[in-house]
Protein backbone atom coordinates (compact mmCIF):
# COMPACT_ATOMS: atom_id res chain seq x y z
CA UNK A 1 304.77 -63.49 -143.18
CA UNK A 2 303.95 -62.40 -139.85
CA UNK A 3 305.33 -64.66 -137.06
CA UNK A 4 303.17 -66.98 -134.81
CA UNK A 5 303.68 -64.27 -131.97
CA UNK A 6 303.03 -61.33 -133.89
CA UNK A 7 299.53 -61.34 -135.08
CA UNK A 8 298.92 -59.75 -138.67
CA UNK A 9 297.60 -56.43 -138.91
CA UNK A 10 294.94 -56.37 -141.41
CA UNK A 11 294.68 -52.97 -143.02
CA UNK A 12 291.19 -51.47 -143.30
CA UNK A 13 288.79 -51.98 -146.05
CA UNK A 14 289.09 -49.72 -148.85
CA UNK A 15 286.23 -47.25 -148.32
CA UNK A 16 283.49 -47.87 -151.00
CA UNK A 17 281.65 -44.61 -153.19
CA UNK A 18 278.61 -43.99 -150.42
CA UNK A 19 280.75 -45.06 -147.33
CA UNK A 20 280.78 -42.12 -145.22
CA UNK A 21 284.19 -40.51 -143.61
CA UNK A 22 285.31 -37.20 -142.09
CA UNK A 23 287.54 -35.29 -143.55
CA UNK A 24 291.50 -35.37 -143.29
CA UNK A 25 293.62 -32.15 -141.85
CA UNK A 26 294.56 -32.05 -145.65
CA UNK A 27 291.01 -32.42 -147.59
CA UNK A 28 289.51 -29.18 -149.12
CA UNK A 29 285.99 -28.17 -148.14
CA UNK A 30 283.65 -25.66 -149.13
CA UNK A 31 280.90 -23.07 -147.03
CA UNK A 32 277.92 -25.96 -148.19
CA UNK A 33 277.50 -28.36 -145.93
CA UNK A 34 275.75 -30.95 -148.52
CA UNK A 35 278.44 -30.21 -151.09
CA UNK A 36 281.02 -31.35 -148.26
CA UNK A 37 278.59 -34.13 -147.59
CA UNK A 38 279.01 -35.37 -150.84
CA UNK A 39 282.66 -35.52 -150.54
CA UNK A 40 282.93 -37.41 -147.06
CA UNK A 41 280.74 -39.81 -148.89
CA UNK A 42 283.07 -40.27 -152.15
CA UNK A 43 280.07 -39.09 -154.54
CA UNK A 44 282.99 -36.55 -155.92
CA UNK A 45 286.72 -36.58 -154.82
CA UNK A 46 286.85 -37.39 -151.08
CA UNK A 47 289.92 -34.62 -150.72
CA UNK A 48 288.22 -32.22 -152.70
CA UNK A 49 289.96 -31.55 -155.09
CA UNK A 50 290.06 -31.71 -159.18
CA UNK A 51 286.16 -31.88 -158.66
CA UNK A 52 284.75 -32.40 -162.36
CA UNK A 53 281.09 -31.48 -163.72
CA UNK A 54 280.38 -35.08 -164.24
CA UNK A 55 281.17 -35.81 -160.69
CA UNK A 56 279.01 -33.33 -159.25
CA UNK A 57 276.21 -33.91 -161.61
CA UNK A 58 275.71 -37.37 -160.32
CA UNK A 59 276.24 -36.76 -156.73
CA UNK A 60 273.28 -33.85 -157.23
CA UNK A 61 271.10 -36.49 -159.03
CA UNK A 62 272.24 -39.19 -156.05
CA UNK A 63 270.38 -36.37 -153.96
CA UNK A 64 266.92 -36.04 -156.29
CA UNK A 65 267.70 -33.14 -157.74
CA UNK A 66 265.85 -32.44 -161.00
CA UNK A 67 267.97 -32.05 -164.46
CA UNK A 68 267.18 -28.10 -164.39
CA UNK A 69 268.34 -27.63 -161.10
CA UNK A 70 271.48 -29.24 -161.82
CA UNK A 71 272.33 -27.68 -164.97
CA UNK A 72 271.99 -24.32 -162.97
CA UNK A 73 274.09 -25.06 -160.09
CA UNK A 74 276.60 -26.59 -162.37
CA UNK A 75 276.59 -23.70 -164.31
CA UNK A 76 277.35 -21.26 -161.34
CA UNK A 77 279.76 -23.56 -159.64
CA UNK A 78 282.16 -23.74 -162.81
CA UNK A 79 281.72 -20.44 -164.19
CA UNK A 80 285.01 -18.75 -164.87
CA UNK A 81 286.58 -16.20 -163.14
CA UNK A 82 287.88 -12.84 -164.76
CA UNK A 83 289.70 -10.78 -162.13
CA UNK A 84 289.27 -7.41 -164.26
CA UNK A 85 286.65 -5.67 -165.35
CA UNK A 86 287.00 -4.68 -169.36
CA UNK A 87 288.25 -1.38 -169.15
CA UNK A 88 286.39 0.10 -172.09
CA UNK A 89 282.74 -0.22 -173.34
CA UNK A 90 283.62 -1.85 -176.73
CA UNK A 91 285.19 -4.26 -174.71
CA UNK A 92 281.62 -5.31 -173.05
CA UNK A 93 280.12 -5.25 -176.42
CA UNK A 94 282.95 -8.30 -177.63
CA UNK A 95 282.68 -9.80 -173.97
CA UNK A 96 279.16 -9.04 -172.65
CA UNK A 97 279.08 -11.55 -170.21
CA UNK A 98 282.16 -9.76 -168.89
CA UNK A 99 280.64 -9.10 -165.28
CA UNK A 100 279.15 -12.24 -164.69
CA UNK A 101 282.93 -13.76 -165.04
CA UNK A 102 284.43 -11.19 -162.67
CA UNK A 103 281.65 -10.84 -160.27
CA UNK A 104 280.02 -14.93 -160.11
CA UNK A 105 283.33 -16.62 -161.75
CA UNK A 106 284.63 -19.36 -159.25
CA UNK A 107 287.19 -21.41 -161.46
CA UNK A 108 290.20 -19.68 -162.13
CA UNK A 109 291.17 -19.21 -165.83
CA UNK A 110 291.83 -22.54 -167.61
CA UNK A 111 291.49 -24.37 -164.50
CA UNK A 112 291.54 -27.92 -166.29
CA UNK A 113 292.27 -31.50 -165.32
CA UNK A 114 292.75 -33.93 -168.18
CA UNK A 115 291.23 -30.89 -170.55
CA UNK A 116 287.92 -30.93 -168.34
CA UNK A 117 287.35 -28.16 -166.34
CA UNK A 118 287.36 -28.60 -162.84
CA UNK A 119 287.15 -26.73 -159.22
CA UNK A 120 288.26 -27.47 -155.68
CA UNK A 121 286.02 -27.32 -153.00
CA UNK A 122 287.67 -24.47 -151.21
CA UNK A 123 287.11 -22.38 -154.33
CA UNK A 124 283.50 -21.94 -153.43
CA UNK A 125 284.31 -19.67 -150.83
CA UNK A 126 284.57 -16.50 -153.02
CA UNK A 127 283.03 -14.15 -150.99
CA UNK A 128 280.22 -13.15 -153.38
CA UNK A 129 279.91 -15.33 -156.02
CA UNK A 130 278.14 -18.35 -154.69
CA UNK A 131 279.24 -17.81 -150.94
CA UNK A 132 276.90 -15.03 -149.46
CA UNK A 133 276.42 -13.63 -145.86
CA UNK A 134 274.11 -14.48 -143.19
CA UNK A 135 274.73 -18.24 -143.53
CA UNK A 136 272.72 -20.47 -141.23
CA UNK A 137 276.28 -22.29 -140.10
CA UNK A 138 278.91 -19.96 -141.21
CA UNK A 139 280.16 -16.44 -139.75
CA UNK A 140 280.21 -14.11 -142.55
CA UNK A 141 283.48 -13.26 -144.62
CA UNK A 142 283.76 -9.89 -143.33
CA UNK A 143 283.09 -10.30 -139.71
CA UNK A 144 286.04 -9.61 -137.74
CA UNK A 145 287.82 -12.71 -136.15
CA UNK A 146 286.02 -15.42 -138.16
CA UNK A 147 285.96 -17.12 -141.40
CA UNK A 148 283.37 -17.94 -144.26
CA UNK A 149 284.04 -21.53 -145.13
CA UNK A 150 284.60 -23.40 -141.44
CA UNK A 151 280.96 -24.74 -139.69
CA UNK A 152 280.80 -22.99 -136.29
CA UNK A 153 279.34 -25.19 -133.38
CA UNK A 154 277.17 -22.33 -131.66
CA UNK A 155 275.19 -21.67 -135.03
CA UNK A 156 274.84 -25.31 -135.68
CA UNK A 157 273.14 -25.89 -132.13
CA UNK A 158 271.23 -22.88 -132.80
CA UNK A 159 269.91 -24.25 -135.70
CA UNK A 160 268.89 -27.58 -134.30
CA UNK A 161 267.35 -25.93 -131.18
CA UNK A 162 264.94 -23.92 -133.91
CA UNK A 163 262.71 -26.74 -133.95
CA UNK A 164 259.48 -25.41 -131.90
CA UNK A 165 258.44 -29.47 -131.39
CA UNK A 166 262.14 -30.47 -130.68
CA UNK A 167 261.48 -33.20 -133.22
CA UNK A 168 261.19 -31.65 -136.84
CA UNK A 169 262.47 -28.43 -138.52
CA UNK A 170 259.50 -26.71 -140.04
CA UNK A 171 258.80 -23.97 -142.55
CA UNK A 172 257.97 -21.56 -139.72
CA UNK A 173 261.22 -22.59 -137.77
CA UNK A 174 263.26 -22.29 -140.80
CA UNK A 175 261.93 -18.87 -141.67
CA UNK A 176 262.31 -17.69 -137.65
CA UNK A 177 265.78 -19.20 -137.58
CA UNK A 178 266.77 -17.22 -141.00
CA UNK A 179 265.01 -14.02 -139.45
CA UNK A 180 267.31 -14.28 -136.24
CA UNK A 181 270.29 -15.07 -138.04
CA UNK A 182 269.51 -11.79 -140.30
CA UNK A 183 269.51 -9.66 -136.73
CA UNK A 184 272.71 -11.29 -135.48
CA UNK A 185 274.70 -10.45 -138.59
CA UNK A 186 273.31 -7.12 -138.73
CA UNK A 187 274.66 -6.32 -135.05
CA UNK A 188 277.77 -8.21 -135.66
CA UNK A 189 279.05 -7.36 -139.30
CA UNK A 190 279.24 -3.67 -140.22
CA UNK A 191 280.11 -4.67 -143.31
CA UNK A 192 277.20 -6.85 -144.09
CA UNK A 193 276.07 -7.45 -147.38
CA UNK A 194 272.80 -8.49 -147.86
CA UNK A 195 270.40 -6.98 -150.82
CA UNK A 196 267.25 -8.22 -151.61
CA UNK A 197 267.70 -10.67 -154.30
CA UNK A 198 270.05 -12.99 -151.31
CA UNK A 199 266.93 -12.86 -149.52
CA UNK A 200 265.25 -15.26 -152.14
CA UNK A 201 268.32 -17.05 -152.45
CA UNK A 202 268.71 -17.92 -149.15
CA UNK A 203 265.15 -19.00 -148.81
CA UNK A 204 265.74 -21.17 -151.90
CA UNK A 205 268.73 -22.93 -149.87
CA UNK A 206 266.26 -23.48 -147.31
CA UNK A 207 263.16 -24.53 -149.60
CA UNK A 208 265.97 -27.12 -151.67
CA UNK A 209 266.86 -28.82 -147.98
CA UNK A 210 263.18 -29.29 -147.12
CA UNK A 211 262.43 -30.74 -150.39
CA UNK A 212 265.38 -33.25 -150.91
CA UNK A 213 265.04 -34.16 -146.54
CA UNK A 214 261.62 -33.24 -145.65
CA UNK A 215 258.58 -35.26 -144.96
CA UNK A 216 255.12 -34.37 -145.15
CA UNK A 217 253.00 -32.21 -147.38
CA UNK A 218 255.16 -30.59 -149.54
CA UNK A 219 258.20 -31.88 -147.53
CA UNK A 220 257.95 -29.03 -145.32
CA UNK A 221 259.35 -31.10 -142.04
CA UNK A 222 263.17 -32.02 -141.74
CA UNK A 223 263.60 -34.34 -138.58
CA UNK A 224 266.23 -32.89 -136.48
CA UNK A 225 268.20 -36.11 -136.70
CA UNK A 226 268.56 -35.53 -140.19
CA UNK A 227 269.46 -31.56 -139.86
CA UNK A 228 271.87 -32.89 -137.08
CA UNK A 229 273.69 -35.60 -139.73
CA UNK A 230 273.78 -33.05 -142.36
CA UNK A 231 274.93 -29.68 -140.89
CA UNK A 232 277.22 -31.08 -137.83
CA UNK A 233 278.58 -34.41 -139.52
CA UNK A 234 278.35 -33.39 -142.98
CA UNK A 235 276.74 -36.48 -143.44
CA UNK A 236 273.94 -37.66 -145.79
CA UNK A 237 271.09 -39.00 -143.04
CA UNK A 238 270.70 -42.57 -144.52
CA UNK A 239 271.50 -44.35 -141.17
CA UNK A 240 268.34 -42.14 -139.95
CA UNK A 241 266.54 -43.34 -142.67
CA UNK A 242 266.55 -41.18 -145.15
CA UNK A 243 266.03 -42.30 -149.18
CA UNK A 244 266.32 -40.50 -152.29
CA UNK A 245 262.90 -39.34 -153.29
CA UNK A 246 262.31 -41.38 -156.77
CA UNK A 247 259.85 -40.08 -159.48
CA UNK A 248 258.75 -37.26 -157.61
CA UNK A 249 258.18 -33.79 -159.58
CA UNK A 250 258.27 -31.82 -156.63
CA UNK A 251 262.29 -32.19 -156.54
CA UNK A 252 262.12 -29.98 -159.76
CA UNK A 253 262.16 -26.26 -160.19
CA UNK A 254 258.29 -25.84 -159.29
CA UNK A 255 258.60 -27.99 -156.05
CA UNK A 256 261.72 -25.65 -154.68
CA UNK A 257 259.95 -22.37 -155.90
CA UNK A 258 256.72 -23.18 -154.36
CA UNK A 259 258.53 -24.02 -151.05
CA UNK A 260 260.65 -21.14 -151.50
CA UNK A 261 257.90 -18.45 -151.42
CA UNK A 262 256.60 -20.27 -148.65
CA UNK A 263 259.74 -20.09 -146.83
CA UNK A 264 259.81 -16.00 -147.91
CA UNK A 265 256.34 -15.86 -146.58
CA UNK A 266 257.53 -17.41 -142.81
CA UNK A 267 260.38 -14.67 -142.74
CA UNK A 268 257.70 -12.38 -143.11
CA UNK A 269 255.58 -13.52 -140.35
CA UNK A 270 258.63 -13.92 -138.25
CA UNK A 271 259.32 -10.33 -138.72
CA UNK A 272 255.99 -9.75 -137.33
C-alpha cells in the first residue's frame, strides 16, 4: 500500500477490443492501412503476430464486407507459399496449383498456431503476392532507398491533397491520383512491374474503400477526415462519424465491381 506522502500510481486501463492504440516498436504491420487499423483497434492481435483466419474474417465483417469478398480475401491471405516451382510436367499434373502457391502464397509451409493456420502481418509485404507496385501510400519494392511496407508521409499528404474541394475524395479524385502515382513510379522505379491485371486490382482497392467509407450515391465520396484517419493514423474513422453500413447489398461483390468500373473509367479520363 502506498504511503500517505506517495500517491498511488494507477495502471492504465487495459485496452478493449475496438480501442485504438498505435503500434509499438516491436509490433508487426503490413503494407495495407486497413489491415493495420484492424490491429491498432485490437480486432486482430495487436502485435500483428499469429493472426488466424477467424480473426481476420470477424474484423472484415465488422467493416461491413460481404461473405464472398471476405472469403476471397482470406483465401489469398492464408494461401500457403511454395518456394520452388515443380521440376517436371508430371509434378504439375500432381499439383496443378503449384504455380499459384509459388507466385501468390504468403504463409510459410506448415505455419500454424495450435493447429490453426496463421500469418504475421509483415508477411503480407511479400512482393508480387498480394502487395504490388504503385501503392498510394508506399514506395515500390525495387525502388532504390525505399521499402514497400512503411507509410510515406509525403505520399499520404499527396493523397489527402488530391481532394478537389478539400472536403471529399471523389471517384475522379482517386482516379487522377492513381494515374499520377503510375507516372511517378514509372519515373522513379526502373524495375516497375504493373501489368494490366494490377490496374484492375488497384481500382478494386479504391472501390472497396469508397464502398465501405464513402457517402452519397454508390459511396463515391470519402470525407477527407475519414481518409486522414485511415491512411495517416491507420485508424477507423469512428471519431469522425463513420459507422458500419448494415444491411446494404452494395457492400457485396456487385457494388464493389460497379464502383471499380467507375474508377477505371475515371483513370481513362485522367489520362486524357
